[in-house]
Amino acid sequence: MVTIKEAELLTGITRQNIRYYEKMGIIYPSREKENQYRKYNKDDIRRFTLIYMFRKLDMPLEENRKIFDGR
């Protein structure tokens, strides 16, 4: 599990965008009980990598969400 800062470094996606993707319902990080910090696992990092690739191809975020929801 990695923090949002580490996820940013691993994926090249800014923390602001990571938070926005969570708000959009594209990603669902786990939270630490004591401080509510976001934690990301390997699957989350893979999803960020795909989101990054799709965004480079000018795919709208709504389409990303449909893909990840299986629609």
Protein backbone atom coordinates (compact mmCIF):
# COMPACT_ATOMS: atom_id res chain seq x y z
CA MET A 1 0.00 0.00 0.00
CA VAL A 2 1.25 3.47 -0.89
CA THR A 3 0.31 7.01 0.08
CA ILE A 4 -1.11 9.58 -2.31
CA LYS A 5 2.35 11.18 -2.60
CA GLU A 6 3.91 7.84 -3.55
CA ALA A 7 1.08 7.16 -6.01
CA GLU A 8 1.76 10.54 -7.61
CA LEU A 9 5.46 9.68 -7.99
CA LEU A 10 4.73 6.20 -9.38
CA THR A 11 2.11 7.27 -11.91
CA GLY A 12 2.87 10.86 -12.88
CA ILE A 13 -0.71 11.84 -11.96
CA THR A 14 -0.97 14.83 -9.64
CA ARG A 15 -2.49 14.51 -6.18
CA GLN A 16 -5.18 16.95 -7.23
CA ASN A 17 -6.18 14.70 -10.14
CA ILE A 18 -6.04 11.58 -7.96
CA ARG A 19 -8.47 13.21 -5.53
CA TYR A 20 -10.68 14.26 -8.45
CA TYR A 21 -10.77 10.68 -9.78
CA GLU A 22 -11.90 9.54 -6.35
CA LYS A 23 -14.61 12.20 -6.32
CA MET A 24 -15.73 11.05 -9.81
CA GLY A 25 -16.02 7.46 -8.58
CA ILE A 26 -13.24 6.11 -10.79
CA ILE A 27 -11.00 5.03 -7.92
CA TYR A 28 -11.79 3.92 -4.37
CA PRO A 29 -8.76 4.08 -2.06
CA SER A 30 -8.79 2.48 1.34
CA ARG A 31 -8.43 4.77 4.35
CA GLU A 32 -6.34 4.45 7.49
CA LYS A 33 -8.61 4.30 10.54
CA GLU A 34 -6.66 6.63 12.78
CA ASN A 35 -6.10 9.52 10.36
CA GLN A 36 -8.22 8.79 7.24
CA TYR A 37 -5.18 9.01 4.93
CA ARG A 38 -5.73 7.46 1.52
CA LYS A 39 -3.85 4.24 0.76
CA TYR A 40 -3.49 2.75 -2.72
CA ASN A 41 -2.78 -0.88 -3.60
CA LYS A 42 -1.26 -2.43 -6.75
CA ASP A 43 -4.63 -2.55 -8.51
CA ASP A 44 -5.19 1.14 -7.85
CA ILE A 45 -1.77 1.96 -9.32
CA ARG A 46 -2.61 -0.15 -12.42
CA ARG A 47 -5.90 1.72 -12.75
CA PHE A 48 -4.08 5.07 -12.54
CA THR A 49 -1.73 3.91 -15.27
CA LEU A 50 -4.70 3.04 -17.50
CA ILE A 51 -6.43 6.32 -16.73
CA TYR A 52 -3.24 8.17 -17.63
CA MET A 53 -2.99 6.30 -20.94
CA PHE A 54 -6.67 6.84 -21.78
CA ARG A 55 -6.40 10.55 -20.99
CA LYS A 56 -3.38 10.81 -23.31
CA LEU A 57 -5.69 9.36 -26.00
CA ASP A 58 -8.23 12.13 -25.17
CA MET A 59 -10.77 9.71 -23.72
CA PRO A 60 -13.22 11.56 -21.45
CA LEU A 61 -13.25 10.63 -17.76
CA GLU A 62 -16.87 9.50 -18.01
CA GLU A 63 -15.79 6.88 -20.57
CA ASN A 64 -12.99 5.80 -18.22
CA ARG A 65 -15.52 5.32 -15.47
CA LYS A 66 -17.78 3.23 -17.74
CA ILE A 67 -14.86 0.98 -18.67
CA PHE A 68 -13.88 0.42 -15.04
CA ASP A 69 -17.51 -0.19 -14.07
CA GLY A 70 -17.73 -2.87 -16.77
CA ARG A 71 -20.21 -0.99 -18.96
